Amino acid sequence: MARADNDLTAEQWGALRAAWSGCAYCGAQDVPLQKDCVLPLSRGGRYTLDNVVPACRSCNASKCNQEVTHWLRVKRLDEAAFLLRHQAISVELVRAEQDRAEPVPHLVPDADEAPGG
């Protein structure tokens, strides 16, 4: 069965947890972290590398299915800092994922090259 584009792998989840080093919203460390969709599922979000962040139970429950920037303002958390960091981490991890998926040039023969040499 092919992997759906909304299935976050265990490896991707580990990379997200490492990149954020704690709750993406409040910064809490050494607490269990849950997967939170920045754009909630109920609003069209999916469990993808660029839409999931690690959240402590308190932040995840509080945010629920609210739009992230509204929730950050209500909680008086640093909206700009979160958005900038989320963008930077997303770009870095998605780029790393794409780099791993690209074929290694010397292992893929040129179309002009005859088989065997």
PDB file of N, CA and C in Angstrom:
ATOM      1  N   MET A   1       0.850  -1.179   0.000  1.00  0.00           N
ATOM      2  CA  MET A   1       0.000   0.000   0.000  1.00  0.00           C
ATOM      3  C   MET A   1       0.893   1.239   0.000  1.00  0.00           C
ATOM      4  N   ALA A   2       0.622   2.176  -0.883  1.00  0.00           N
ATOM      5  CA  ALA A   2       1.414   3.397  -0.986  1.00  0.00           C
ATOM      6  C   ALA A   2       1.136   4.298   0.212  1.00  0.00           C
ATOM      7  N   ARG A   3       2.190   4.991   0.621  1.00  0.00           N
ATOM      8  CA  ARG A   3       2.058   5.910   1.742  1.00  0.00           C
ATOM      9  C   ARG A   3       1.294   7.150   1.285  1.00  0.00           C
ATOM     10  N   ALA A   4       0.293   7.557   2.043  1.00  0.00           N
ATOM     11  CA  ALA A   4      -0.468   8.762   1.712  1.00  0.00           C
ATOM     12  C   ALA A   4       0.365   9.987   2.045  1.00  0.00           C
ATOM     13  N   ASP A   5       0.074  11.100   1.379  1.00  0.00           N
ATOM     14  CA  ASP A   5       0.859  12.304   1.609  1.00  0.00           C
ATOM     15  C   ASP A   5       0.533  12.982   2.934  1.00  0.00           C
ATOM     16  N   ASN A   6      -0.346  12.376   3.719  1.00  0.00           N
ATOM     17  CA  ASN A   6      -0.648  12.940   5.030  1.00  0.00           C
ATOM     18  C   ASN A   6      -0.224  12.007   6.161  1.00  0.00           C
ATOM     19  N   ASP A   7       0.657  11.096   5.861  1.00  0.00           N
ATOM     20  CA  ASP A   7       1.149  10.170   6.879  1.00  0.00           C
ATOM     21  C   ASP A   7       2.529  10.606   7.336  1.00  0.00           C
ATOM     22  N   LEU A   8       2.621  11.110   8.535  1.00  0.00           N
ATOM     23  CA  LEU A   8       3.894  11.501   9.109  1.00  0.00           C
ATOM     24  C   LEU A   8       4.595  10.239   9.589  1.00  0.00           C
ATOM     25  N   THR A   9       5.803   9.990   9.115  1.00  0.00           N
ATOM     26  CA  THR A   9       6.528   8.790   9.527  1.00  0.00           C
ATOM     27  C   THR A   9       7.133   8.986  10.912  1.00  0.00           C
ATOM     28  N   ALA A  10       7.517   7.895  11.536  1.00  0.00           N
ATOM     29  CA  ALA A  10       8.178   7.963  12.841  1.00  0.00           C
ATOM     30  C   ALA A  10       9.490   8.735  12.725  1.00  0.00           C
ATOM     31  N   GLU A  11      10.200   8.552  11.623  1.00  0.00           N
ATOM     32  CA  GLU A  11      11.459   9.276  11.403  1.00  0.00           C
ATOM     33  C   GLU A  11      11.206  10.785  11.304  1.00  0.00           C
ATOM     34  N   GLN A  12      10.162  11.174  10.586  1.00  0.00           N
ATOM     35  CA  GLN A  12       9.830  12.595  10.455  1.00  0.00           C
ATOM     36  C   GLN A  12       9.416  13.183  11.806  1.00  0.00           C
ATOM     37  N   TRP A  13       8.634  12.436  12.575  1.00  0.00           N
ATOM     38  CA  TRP A  13       8.211  12.892  13.894  1.00  0.00           C
ATOM     39  C   TRP A  13       9.434  13.076  14.795  1.00  0.00           C
ATOM     40  N   GLY A  14      10.372  12.153  14.721  1.00  0.00           N
ATOM     41  CA  GLY A  14      11.601  12.290  15.500  1.00  0.00           C
ATOM     42  C   GLY A  14      12.395  13.524  15.097  1.00  0.00           C
ATOM     43  N   ALA A  15      12.463  13.794  13.801  1.00  0.00           N
ATOM     44  CA  ALA A  15      13.181  14.977  13.310  1.00  0.00           C
ATOM     45  C   ALA A  15      12.499  16.259  13.784  1.00  0.00           C
ATOM     46  N   LEU A  16      11.176  16.271  13.786  1.00  0.00           N
ATOM     47  CA  LEU A  16      10.448  17.447  14.275  1.00  0.00           C
ATOM     48  C   LEU A  16      10.700  17.672  15.763  1.00  0.00           C
ATOM     49  N   ARG A  17      10.627  16.608  16.548  1.00  0.00           N
ATOM     50  CA  ARG A  17      10.879  16.740  17.989  1.00  0.00           C
ATOM     51  C   ARG A  17      12.290  17.245  18.248  1.00  0.00           C
ATOM     52  N   ALA A  18      13.263  16.727  17.504  1.00  0.00           N
ATOM     53  CA  ALA A  18      14.652  17.162  17.684  1.00  0.00           C
ATOM     54  C   ALA A  18      14.824  18.626  17.285  1.00  0.00           C
ATOM     55  N   ALA A  19      14.206  19.027  16.196  1.00  0.00           N
ATOM     56  CA  ALA A  19      14.356  20.402  15.708  1.00  0.00           C
ATOM     57  C   ALA A  19      13.745  21.421  16.673  1.00  0.00           C
ATOM     58  N   TRP A  20      12.613  21.083  17.260  1.00  0.00           N
ATOM     59  CA  TRP A  20      11.939  22.016  18.166  1.00  0.00           C
ATOM     60  C   TRP A  20      12.489  21.937  19.587  1.00  0.00           C
ATOM     61  N   SER A  21      13.030  20.823  19.986  1.00  0.00           N
ATOM     62  CA  SER A  21      13.595  20.635  21.340  1.00  0.00           C
ATOM     63  C   SER A  21      12.591  20.894  22.459  1.00  0.00           C
ATOM     64  N   GLY A  22      11.335  20.621  22.212  1.00  0.00           N
ATOM     65  CA  GLY A  22      10.307  20.831  23.221  1.00  0.00           C
ATOM     66  C   GLY A  22       9.016  21.257  22.554  1.00  0.00           C
ATOM     67  N   CYS A  23       8.105  21.792  23.346  1.00  0.00           N
ATOM     68  CA  CYS A  23       6.818  22.246  22.815  1.00  0.00           C
ATOM     69  C   CYS A  23       7.048  23.428  21.875  1.00  0.00           C
ATOM     70  N   ALA A  24       6.517  23.336  20.680  1.00  0.00           N
ATOM     71  CA  ALA A  24       6.684  24.399  19.687  1.00  0.00           C
ATOM     72  C   ALA A  24       6.009  25.696  20.125  1.00  0.00           C
ATOM     73  N   TYR A  25       5.045  25.609  20.998  1.00  0.00           N
ATOM     74  CA  TYR A  25       4.282  26.792  21.387  1.00  0.00           C
ATOM     75  C   TYR A  25       4.826  27.466  22.645  1.00  0.00           C
ATOM     76  N   CYS A  26       5.006  26.711  23.712  1.00  0.00           N
ATOM     77  CA  CYS A  26       5.432  27.324  24.980  1.00  0.00           C
ATOM     78  C   CYS A  26       6.885  27.031  25.324  1.00  0.00           C
ATOM     79  N   GLY A  27       7.509  26.104  24.589  1.00  0.00           N
ATOM     80  CA  GLY A  27       8.913  25.782  24.825  1.00  0.00           C
ATOM     81  C   GLY A  27       9.155  24.773  25.932  1.00  0.00           C
ATOM     82  N   ALA A  28       8.097  24.243  26.543  1.00  0.00           N
ATOM     83  CA  ALA A  28       8.264  23.274  27.631  1.00  0.00           C
ATOM     84  C   ALA A  28       9.123  22.102  27.166  1.00  0.00           C
ATOM     85  N   GLN A  29      10.075  21.725  28.013  1.00  0.00           N
ATOM     86  CA  GLN A  29      10.958  20.600  27.711  1.00  0.00           C
ATOM     87  C   GLN A  29      10.755  19.515  28.759  1.00  0.00           C
ATOM     88  N   ASP A  30      11.253  18.342  28.447  1.00  0.00           N
ATOM     89  CA  ASP A  30      11.156  17.209  29.373  1.00  0.00           C
ATOM     90  C   ASP A  30       9.711  16.886  29.760  1.00  0.00           C
ATOM     91  N   VAL A  31       8.803  17.082  28.798  1.00  0.00           N
ATOM     92  CA  VAL A  31       7.402  16.695  28.979  1.00  0.00           C
ATOM     93  C   VAL A  31       7.017  15.846  27.775  1.00  0.00           C
ATOM     94  N   PRO A  32       6.040  14.967  27.931  1.00  0.00           N
ATOM     95  CA  PRO A  32       5.574  14.212  26.760  1.00  0.00           C
ATOM     96  C   PRO A  32       5.029  15.175  25.703  1.00  0.00           C
ATOM     97  N   LEU A  33       5.349  14.889  24.452  1.00  0.00           N
ATOM     98  CA  LEU A  33       4.907  15.749  23.357  1.00  0.00           C
ATOM     99  C   LEU A  33       3.905  15.021  22.473  1.00  0.00           C
ATOM    100  N   GLN A  34       2.940  15.768  21.988  1.00  0.00           N
ATOM    101  CA  GLN A  34       1.905  15.241  21.109  1.00  0.00           C
ATOM    102  C   GLN A  34       2.026  15.909  19.746  1.00  0.00           C
ATOM    103  N   LYS A  35       1.535  15.236  18.727  1.00  0.00           N
ATOM    104  CA  LYS A  35       1.512  15.816  17.382  1.00  0.00           C
ATOM    105  C   LYS A  35       0.349  16.801  17.302  1.00  0.00           C
ATOM    106  N   ASP A  36       0.657  18.036  16.945  1.00  0.00           N
ATOM    107  CA  ASP A  36      -0.392  19.028  16.744  1.00  0.00           C
ATOM    108  C   ASP A  36      -0.308  19.566  15.332  1.00  0.00           C
ATOM    109  N   CYS A  37      -1.436  19.622  14.663  1.00  0.00           N
ATOM    110  CA  CYS A  37      -1.497  20.190  13.313  1.00  0.00           C
ATOM    111  C   CYS A  37      -1.634  21.703  13.425  1.00  0.00           C
ATOM    112  N   VAL A  38      -0.674  22.431  12.851  1.00  0.00           N
ATOM    113  CA  VAL A  38      -0.728  23.889  12.858  1.00  0.00           C
ATOM    114  C   VAL A  38      -2.038  24.338  12.223  1.00  0.00           C
ATOM    115  N   LEU A  39      -2.338  23.817  11.048  1.00  0.00           N
ATOM    116  CA  LEU A  39      -3.658  24.004  10.442  1.00  0.00           C
ATOM    117  C   LEU A  39      -4.458  22.764  10.840  1.00  0.00           C
ATOM    118  N   PRO A  40      -5.433  22.921  11.736  1.00  0.00           N
ATOM    119  CA  PRO A  40      -6.150  21.760  12.262  1.00  0.00           C
ATOM    120  C   PRO A  40      -6.810  20.910  11.176  1.00  0.00           C
ATOM    121  N   LEU A  41      -6.948  19.629  11.473  1.00  0.00           N
ATOM    122  CA  LEU A  41      -7.617  18.706  10.555  1.00  0.00           C
ATOM    123  C   LEU A  41      -9.006  19.219  10.180  1.00  0.00           C
ATOM    124  N   SER A  42      -9.707  19.780  11.150  1.00  0.00           N
ATOM    125  CA  SER A  42     -11.068  20.267  10.909  1.00  0.00           C
ATOM    126  C   SER A  42     -11.105  21.462   9.964  1.00  0.00           C
ATOM    127  N   ARG A  43      -9.943  22.050   9.710  1.00  0.00           N
ATOM    128  CA  ARG A  43      -9.860  23.206   8.805  1.00  0.00           C
ATOM    129  C   ARG A  43      -9.082  22.867   7.538  1.00  0.00           C
ATOM    130  N   GLY A  44      -8.908  21.568   7.282  1.00  0.00           N
ATOM    131  CA  GLY A  44      -8.248  21.136   6.049  1.00  0.00           C
ATOM    132  C   GLY A  44      -6.790  20.756   6.202  1.00  0.00           C
ATOM    133  N   GLY A  45      -6.259  20.801   7.419  1.00  0.00           N
ATOM    134  CA  GLY A  45      -4.868  20.422   7.650  1.00  0.00           C
ATOM    135  C   GLY A  45      -4.677  18.921   7.579  1.00  0.00           C
ATOM    136  N   ARG A  46      -3.415  18.515   7.484  1.00  0.00           N
ATOM    137  CA  ARG A  46      -3.094  17.088   7.423  1.00  0.00           C
ATOM    138  C   ARG A  46      -1.859  16.822   8.272  1.00  0.00           C
ATOM    139  N   TYR A  47      -1.635  15.568   8.581  1.00  0.00           N
ATOM    140  CA  TYR A  47      -0.439  15.164   9.319  1.00  0.00           C
ATOM    141  C   TYR A  47       0.722  15.074   8.341  1.00  0.00           C
ATOM    142  N   THR A  48       1.320  16.221   8.034  1.00  0.00           N
ATOM    143  CA  THR A  48       2.453  16.287   7.121  1.00  0.00           C
ATOM    144  C   THR A  48       3.621  16.972   7.807  1.00  0.00           C
ATOM    145  N   LEU A  49       4.799  16.776   7.257  1.00  0.00           N
ATOM    146  CA  LEU A  49       6.028  17.317   7.831  1.00  0.00           C
ATOM    147  C   LEU A  49       5.956  18.825   8.019  1.00  0.00           C
ATOM    148  N   ASP A  50       5.300  19.517   7.111  1.00  0.00           N
ATOM    149  CA  ASP A  50       5.243  20.974   7.213  1.00  0.00           C
ATOM    150  C   ASP A  50       4.004  21.494   7.943  1.00  0.00           C
ATOM    151  N   ASN A  51       3.178  20.598   8.487  1.00  0.00           N
ATOM    152  CA  ASN A  51       1.987  21.042   9.211  1.00  0.00           C
ATOM    153  C   ASN A  51       1.933  20.539  10.651  1.00  0.00           C
ATOM    154  N   VAL A  52       2.840  19.679  11.037  1.00  0.00           N
ATOM    155  CA  VAL A  52       2.817  19.123  12.392  1.00  0.00           C
ATOM    156  C   VAL A  52       3.941  19.732  13.219  1.00  0.00           C
ATOM    157  N   VAL A  53       3.627  20.047  14.467  1.00  0.00           N
ATOM    158  CA  VAL A  53       4.637  20.497  15.423  1.00  0.00           C
ATOM    159  C   VAL A  53       4.447  19.708  16.716  1.00  0.00           C
ATOM    160  N   PRO A  54       5.519  19.559  17.488  1.00  0.00           N
ATOM    161  CA  PRO A  54       5.370  18.925  18.794  1.00  0.00           C
ATOM    162  C   PRO A  54       4.748  19.916  19.781  1.00  0.00           C
ATOM    163  N   ALA A  55       3.766  19.456  20.529  1.00  0.00           N
ATOM    164  CA  ALA A  55       3.093  20.313  21.504  1.00  0.00           C
ATOM    165  C   ALA A  55       2.920  19.558  22.813  1.00  0.00           C
ATOM    166  N   CYS A  56       3.076  20.285  23.913  1.00  0.00           N
ATOM    167  CA  CYS A  56       2.794  19.669  25.207  1.00  0.00           C
ATOM    168  C   CYS A  56       1.284  19.457  25.295  1.00  0.00           C
ATOM    169  N   ARG A  57       0.866  18.614  26.211  1.00  0.00           N
ATOM    170  CA  ARG A  57      -0.558  18.292  26.339  1.00  0.00           C
ATOM    171  C   ARG A  57      -1.386  19.543  26.613  1.00  0.00           C
ATOM    172  N   SER A  58      -0.871  20.433  27.454  1.00  0.00           N
ATOM    173  CA  SER A  58      -1.603  21.644  27.808  1.00  0.00           C
ATOM    174  C   SER A  58      -1.843  22.542  26.594  1.00  0.00           C
ATOM    175  N   CYS A  59      -0.789  22.798  25.814  1.00  0.00           N
ATOM    176  CA  CYS A  59      -0.940  23.650  24.624  1.00  0.00           C
ATOM    177  C   CYS A  59      -1.824  22.982  23.580  1.00  0.00           C
ATOM    178  N   ASN A  60      -1.643  21.686  23.378  1.00  0.00           N
ATOM    179  CA  ASN A  60      -2.433  20.978  22.375  1.00  0.00           C
ATOM    180  C   ASN A  60      -3.921  21.016  22.731  1.00  0.00           C
ATOM    181  N   ALA A  61      -4.233  20.785  23.993  1.00  0.00           N
ATOM    182  CA  ALA A  61      -5.632  20.803  24.427  1.00  0.00           C
ATOM    183  C   ALA A  61      -6.210  22.214  24.351  1.00  0.00           C
ATOM    184  N   SER A  62      -5.411  23.198  24.719  1.00  0.00           N
ATOM    185  CA  SER A  62      -5.875  24.581  24.700  1.00  0.00           C
ATOM    186  C   SER A  62      -6.121  25.074  23.278  1.00  0.00           C
ATOM    187  N   LYS A  63      -5.212  24.743  22.370  1.00  0.00           N
ATOM    188  CA  LYS A  63      -5.344  25.190  20.976  1.00  0.00           C
ATOM    189  C   LYS A  63      -6.514  24.491  20.305  1.00  0.00           C
ATOM    190  N   CYS A  64      -6.674  23.215  20.575  1.00  0.00           N
ATOM    191  CA  CYS A  64      -7.759  22.408  20.014  1.00  0.00           C
ATOM    192  C   CYS A  64      -7.795  22.579  18.502  1.00  0.00           C
ATOM    193  N   ASN A  65      -8.883  23.079  17.943  1.00  0.00           N
ATOM    194  CA  ASN A  65      -8.951  23.241  16.488  1.00  0.00           C
ATOM    195  C   ASN A  65      -8.951  24.713  16.078  1.00  0.00           C
ATOM    196  N   GLN A  66      -8.393  25.562  16.946  1.00  0.00           N
ATOM    197  CA  GLN A  66      -8.327  26.989  16.633  1.00  0.00           C
ATOM    198  C   GLN A  66      -7.246  27.280  15.595  1.00  0.00           C
ATOM    199  N   GLU A  67      -7.406  28.383  14.902  1.00  0.00           N
ATOM    200  CA  GLU A  67      -6.387  28.865  13.978  1.00  0.00           C
ATOM    201  C   GLU A  67      -5.194  29.302  14.824  1.00  0.00           C
ATOM    202  N   VAL A  68      -3.993  28.901  14.432  1.00  0.00           N
ATOM    203  CA  VAL A  68      -2.815  29.046  15.285  1.00  0.00           C
ATOM    204  C   VAL A  68      -2.493  30.495  15.638  1.00  0.00           C
ATOM    205  N   THR A  69      -2.568  31.412  14.684  1.00  0.00           N
ATOM    206  CA  THR A  69      -2.184  32.792  15.009  1.00  0.00           C
ATOM    207  C   THR A  69      -3.171  33.428  15.984  1.00  0.00           C
ATOM    208  N   HIS A  70      -4.450  33.143  15.828  1.00  0.00           N
ATOM    209  CA  HIS A  70      -5.444  33.653  16.784  1.00  0.00           C
ATOM    210  C   HIS A  70      -5.160  33.088  18.176  1.00  0.00           C
ATOM    211  N   TRP A  71      -4.918  31.783  18.244  1.00  0.00           N
ATOM    212  CA  TRP A  71      -4.661  31.144  19.534  1.00  0.00           C
ATOM    213  C   TRP A  71      -3.402  31.709  20.185  1.00  0.00           C
ATOM    214  N   LEU A  72      -2.336  31.907  19.410  1.00  0.00           N
ATOM    215  CA  LEU A  72      -1.100  32.468  19.962  1.00  0.00           C
ATOM    216  C   LEU A  72      -1.343  33.862  20.537  1.00  0.00           C
ATOM    217  N   ARG A  73      -2.144  34.669  19.858  1.00  0.00           N
ATOM    218  CA  ARG A  73      -2.449  36.021  20.354  1.00  0.00           C
ATOM    219  C   ARG A  73      -3.246  35.955  21.652  1.00  0.00           C
ATOM    220  N   VAL A  74      -4.246  35.086  21.685  1.00  0.00           N
ATOM    221  CA  VAL A  74      -5.068  34.950  22.889  1.00  0.00           C
ATOM    222  C   VAL A  74      -4.207  34.514  24.074  1.00  0.00           C
ATOM    223  N   LYS A  75      -3.284  33.592  23.833  1.00  0.00           N
ATOM    224  CA  LYS A  75      -2.418  33.081  24.908  1.00  0.00           C
ATOM    225  C   LYS A  75      -1.251  34.027  25.213  1.00  0.00           C
ATOM    226  N   ARG A  76      -1.136  35.099  24.419  1.00  0.00           N
ATOM    227  CA  ARG A  76      -0.049  36.075  24.560  1.00  0.00           C
ATOM    228  C   ARG A  76       1.320  35.420  24.399  1.00  0.00           C
ATOM    229  N   LEU A  77       1.382  34.525  23.417  1.00  0.00           N
ATOM    230  CA  LEU A  77       2.650  33.898  23.044  1.00  0.00           C
ATOM    231  C   LEU A  77       3.207  34.651  21.841  1.00  0.00           C
ATOM    232  N   ASP A  78       4.495  34.515  21.589  1.00  0.00           N
ATOM    233  CA  ASP A  78       5.163  35.272  20.526  1.00  0.00           C
ATOM    234  C   ASP A  78       4.822  34.692  19.155  1.00  0.00           C
ATOM    235  N   GLU A  79       3.808  35.272  18.531  1.00  0.00           N
ATOM    236  CA  GLU A  79       3.310  34.791  17.243  1.00  0.00           C
ATOM    237  C   GLU A  79       4.390  34.848  16.168  1.00  0.00           C
ATOM    238  N   ALA A  80       5.076  35.980  16.060  1.00  0.00           N
ATOM    239  CA  ALA A  80       6.103  36.143  15.018  1.00  0.00           C
ATOM    240  C   ALA A  80       7.230  35.133  15.192  1.00  0.00           C
ATOM    241  N   ALA A  81       7.681  34.948  16.416  1.00  0.00           N
ATOM    242  CA  ALA A  81       8.776  34.000  16.669  1.00  0.00           C
ATOM    243  C   ALA A  81       8.353  32.584  16.281  1.00  0.00           C
ATOM    244  N   PHE A  82       7.130  32.195  16.644  1.00  0.00           N
ATOM    245  CA  PHE A  82       6.652  30.864  16.281  1.00  0.00           C
ATOM    246  C   PHE A  82       6.603  30.700  14.771  1.00  0.00           C
ATOM    247  N   LEU A  83       5.990  31.664  14.073  1.00  0.00           N
ATOM    248  CA  LEU A  83       5.825  31.549  12.622  1.00  0.00           C
ATOM    249  C   LEU A  83       7.167  31.498  11.899  1.00  0.00           C
ATOM    250  N   LEU A  84       8.113  32.329  12.318  1.00  0.00           N
ATOM    251  CA  LEU A  84       9.440  32.317  11.689  1.00  0.00           C
ATOM    252  C   LEU A  84      10.153  30.994  11.934  1.00  0.00           C
ATOM    253  N   ARG A  85      10.092  30.517  13.165  1.00  0.00           N
ATOM    254  CA  ARG A  85      10.767  29.251  13.483  1.00  0.00           C
ATOM    255  C   ARG A  85      10.081  28.082  12.777  1.00  0.00           C
ATOM    256  N   HIS A  86       8.758  28.092  12.752  1.00  0.00           N
ATOM    257  CA  HIS A  86       8.022  27.027  12.068  1.00  0.00           C
ATOM    258  C   HIS A  86       8.401  26.985  10.596  1.00  0.00           C
ATOM    259  N   GLN A  87       8.464  28.142   9.966  1.00  0.00           N
ATOM    260  CA  GLN A  87       8.831  28.204   8.550  1.00  0.00           C
ATOM    261  C   GLN A  87      10.248  27.680   8.339  1.00  0.00           C
ATOM    262  N   ALA A  88      11.189  28.119   9.158  1.00  0.00           N
ATOM    263  CA  ALA A  88      12.588  27.702   9.007  1.00  0.00           C
ATOM    264  C   ALA A  88      12.742  26.195   9.195  1.00  0.00           C
ATOM    265  N   ILE A  89      12.114  25.653  10.223  1.00  0.00           N
ATOM    266  CA  ILE A  89      12.208  24.214  10.488  1.00  0.00           C
ATOM    267  C   ILE A  89      11.530  23.426   9.376  1.00  0.00           C
ATOM    268  N   SER A  90      10.361  23.874   8.942  1.00  0.00           N
ATOM    269  CA  SER A  90       9.646  23.174   7.866  1.00  0.00           C
ATOM    270  C   SER A  90      10.475  23.126   6.595  1.00  0.00           C
ATOM    271  N   VAL A  91      11.035  24.266   6.207  1.00  0.00           N
ATOM    272  CA  VAL A  91      11.843  24.326   4.983  1.00  0.00           C
ATOM    273  C   VAL A  91      13.048  23.401   5.099  1.00  0.00           C
ATOM    274  N   GLU A  92      13.724  23.447   6.236  1.00  0.00           N
ATOM    275  CA  GLU A  92      14.915  22.615   6.435  1.00  0.00           C
ATOM    276  C   GLU A  92      14.579  21.131   6.369  1.00  0.00           C
ATOM    277  N   LEU A  93      13.533  20.714   7.054  1.00  0.00           N
ATOM    278  CA  LEU A  93      13.196  19.289   7.098  1.00  0.00           C
ATOM    279  C   LEU A  93      12.625  18.791   5.774  1.00  0.00           C
ATOM    280  N   VAL A  94      11.817  19.600   5.112  1.00  0.00           N
ATOM    281  CA  VAL A  94      11.278  19.195   3.807  1.00  0.00           C
ATOM    282  C   VAL A  94      12.410  19.104   2.791  1.00  0.00           C
ATOM    283  N   ARG A  95      13.339  20.063   2.822  1.00  0.00           N
ATOM    284  CA  ARG A  95      14.480  20.030   1.901  1.00  0.00           C
ATOM    285  C   ARG A  95      15.335  18.779   2.157  1.00  0.00           C
ATOM    286  N   ALA A  96      15.588  18.466   3.412  1.00  0.00           N
ATOM    287  CA  ALA A  96      16.373  17.272   3.744  1.00  0.00           C
ATOM    288  C   ALA A  96      15.662  16.015   3.254  1.00  0.00           C
ATOM    289  N   GLU A  97      14.355  15.988   3.390  1.00  0.00           N
ATOM    290  CA  GLU A  97      13.560  14.848   2.923  1.00  0.00           C
ATOM    291  C   GLU A  97      13.670  14.706   1.400  1.00  0.00           C
ATOM    292  N   GLN A  98      13.593  15.812   0.691  1.00  0.00           N
ATOM    293  CA  GLN A  98      13.701  15.785  -0.772  1.00  0.00           C
ATOM    294  C   GLN A  98      15.096  15.362  -1.210  1.00  0.00           C
ATOM    295  N   ASP A  99      16.122  15.832  -0.502  1.00  0.00           N
ATOM    296  CA  ASP A  99      17.499  15.453  -0.837  1.00  0.00           C
ATOM    297  C   ASP A  99      17.699  13.953  -0.706  1.00  0.00           C
ATOM    298  N   ARG A 100      17.094  13.352   0.329  1.00  0.00           N
ATOM    299  CA  ARG A 100      17.216  11.902   0.519  1.00  0.00           C
ATOM    300  C   ARG A 100      16.492  11.137  -0.583  1.00  0.00           C
ATOM    301  N   ALA A 101      15.449  11.728  -1.141  1.00  0.00           N
ATOM    302  CA  ALA A 101      14.646  11.046  -2.157  1.00  0.00           C
ATOM    303  C   ALA A 101      15.251  11.144  -3.553  1.00  0.00           C
ATOM    304  N   GLU A 102      16.152  12.108  -3.774  1.00  0.00           N
ATOM    305  CA  GLU A 102      16.749  12.273  -5.102  1.00  0.00           C
ATOM    306  C   GLU A 102      17.773  11.179  -5.347  1.00  0.00           C
ATOM    307  N   PRO A 103      17.822  10.649  -6.569  1.00  0.00           N
ATOM    308  CA  PRO A 103      18.799   9.601  -6.875  1.00  0.00           C
ATOM    309  C   PRO A 103      20.222  10.156  -6.843  1.00  0.00           C
ATOM    310  N   VAL A 104      21.141   9.314  -6.446  1.00  0.00           N
ATOM    311  CA  VAL A 104      22.553   9.691  -6.432  1.00  0.00           C
ATOM    312  C   VAL A 104      23.040   9.642  -7.875  1.00  0.00           C
ATOM    313  N   PRO A 105      23.572  10.764  -8.416  1.00  0.00           N
ATOM    314  CA  PRO A 105      23.906  10.837  -9.844  1.00  0.00           C
ATOM    315  C   PRO A 105      24.780   9.697 -10.363  1.00  0.00           C
ATOM    316  N   HIS A 106      25.817   9.295  -9.631  1.00  0.00           N
ATOM    317  CA  HIS A 106      26.709   8.260 -10.162  1.00  0.00           C
ATOM    318  C   HIS A 106      26.085   6.860 -10.137  1.00  0.00           C
ATOM    319  N   LEU A 107      24.950   6.703  -9.474  1.00  0.00           N
ATOM    320  CA  LEU A 107      24.286   5.404  -9.437  1.00  0.00           C
ATOM    321  C   LEU A 107      23.205   5.277 -10.507  1.00  0.00           C
ATOM    322  N   VAL A 108      22.867   6.379 -11.153  1.00  0.00           N
ATOM    323  CA  VAL A 108      21.848   6.376 -12.195  1.00  0.00           C
ATOM    324  C   VAL A 108      22.549   6.584 -13.527  1.00  0.00           C
ATOM    325  N   PRO A 109      22.553   5.571 -14.410  1.00  0.00           N
ATOM    326  CA  PRO A 109      23.262   5.710 -15.686  1.00  0.00           C
ATOM    327  C   PRO A 109      22.622   6.771 -16.566  1.00  0.00           C
ATOM    328  N   ASP A 110      23.465   7.441 -17.361  1.00  0.00           N
ATOM    329  CA  ASP A 110      22.966   8.410 -18.335  1.00  0.00           C
ATOM    330  C   ASP A 110      22.168   7.667 -19.393  1.00  0.00           C
ATOM    331  N   ALA A 111      21.203   8.352 -19.981  1.00  0.00           N
ATOM    332  CA  ALA A 111      20.376   7.742 -21.023  1.00  0.00           C
ATOM    333  C   ALA A 111      21.217   7.370 -22.243  1.00  0.00           C
ATOM    334  N   ASP A 112      22.312   8.114 -22.506  1.00  0.00           N
ATOM    335  CA  ASP A 112      23.164   7.859 -23.670  1.00  0.00           C
ATOM    336  C   ASP A 112      24.139   6.704 -23.443  1.00  0.00           C
ATOM    337  N   GLU A 113      24.335   6.338 -22.186  1.00  0.00           N
ATOM    338  CA  GLU A 113      25.321   5.311 -21.849  1.00  0.00           C
ATOM    339  C   GLU A 113      24.743   3.929 -22.120  1.00  0.00           C
ATOM    340  N   ALA A 114      25.483   3.134 -22.833  1.00  0.00           N
ATOM    341  CA  ALA A 114      25.044   1.771 -23.146  1.00  0.00           C
ATOM    342  C   ALA A 114      25.163   0.901 -21.907  1.00  0.00           C
ATOM    343  N   PRO A 115      24.249  -0.032 -21.722  1.00  0.00           N
ATOM    344  CA  PRO A 115      24.342  -0.944 -20.580  1.00  0.00           C
ATOM    345  C   PRO A 115      25.643  -1.734 -20.636  1.00  0.00           C
ATOM    346  N   GLY A 116      26.233  -1.911 -19.469  1.00  0.00           N
ATOM    347  CA  GLY A 116      27.451  -2.703 -19.367  1.00  0.00           C
ATOM    348  C   GLY A 116      28.699  -1.927 -19.723  1.00  0.00           C
ATOM    349  N   GLY A 117      28.573  -0.660 -19.973  1.00  0.00           N
ATOM    350  CA  GLY A 117      29.732   0.032 -20.101  1.00  0.00           C
ATOM    351  C   GLY A 117      30.321   0.916 -20.950  1.00  0.00           C
TER     352      GLY A 117
END
